[in-house]
Amino acid sequence: MAKEEKEFGGTLGAIGIMIFSHFIPFYFALSLQYNSGGLYFPSSINEFIENFKETCSPTWSNFFLYTGFFVIQLIFAAILPGLEVKGLPLPTENNRQYTYKCNALSSWYLTLIVGGILHFTGIFRLTILADNVGSILCVAVIFSDILSVVIHFYAILTSQTCRMAHSPIYDFFMGVWLNPRIRILGQDVDLKMIAEVRLSWLLLFLLIVSAALKQYETFHTVTWPMIFILTAQLLYINACMKGEECIPVTWDIFYEKWGWMLIYWNLAGVP
């Protein structure tokens, strides 16, 4: 099996990126909570610990909220209609071509409809996301780290690895499994592709909508900067969903393995 060339500064670079990636989202969350988005400077370690506990402590309710969204999107990926597109031949799997069901647009519209109904009927207020963003972030980080470990060792134990650098930390960072798939309701669902667009950008958009609704509830107006970011994300995410059939032949799907780097940043870093 070919040994992979190291990128991102090799093992030391991977360690540095993983440490920084765990620091910066929480720093942003604390800056938002305690300094209206300005730089956050706690006066002591005790203050930092107390602020972190108050803002970013994970809860079971937010765990079920986050994982529930994850599971719902996987079910949508399995059952909703969409184009079926073949990916590029994979040299590491004897030029096998996987088939991808591109139904992100259906998932996008259905998620918006269901979210709107739940919010305006009062069954589930979307402002809950804005109220618990720090806690949800912590849940996402923990979930992503655990999922990365599970995917890594499952691939090794089932001999589904490829292009390993044979450096444990670097291989964990970059990934060892190219095409992780699970069977849901009789359909193969590609985890890497679902995480690429739906689990990342969909959740980000819901968080922005939640922030806009919270702003309106608090100040009875929505500011122009909020309108700008909401419009920009709406246009961008809508384009991603419409163009999903182009994703199976991209570098991310064809070449990049599903390791900590992609898992963490798609499931925790982007949203």
Foldseek 3Di string as FASTA:
>chain_A
DAAADDPCPHLVSLVVCVVVLVPVVLQQQLCCVPPVRDGDDDPDPVRVVVSLCVQAAADPVLLCVLVVLVVVLQQCLFPPQADKAWFFQAVQVVGDIDIGGQQLLVVLVVVVVVQVVCCVVVVDNLLVCVVRVNNNLNSLQVVLVVVQVVQQVVCVVVVQFPNHNPDVSSCQSQDGHQFDWDADPNGTHTPLLCLVQPLQLVVVLSSLVSVQVVCCVVVVDGDPVSVVVNVVSVVVSSVCSVPSSVPSHDCSNRPGHDHSNSSSCSRNVRD
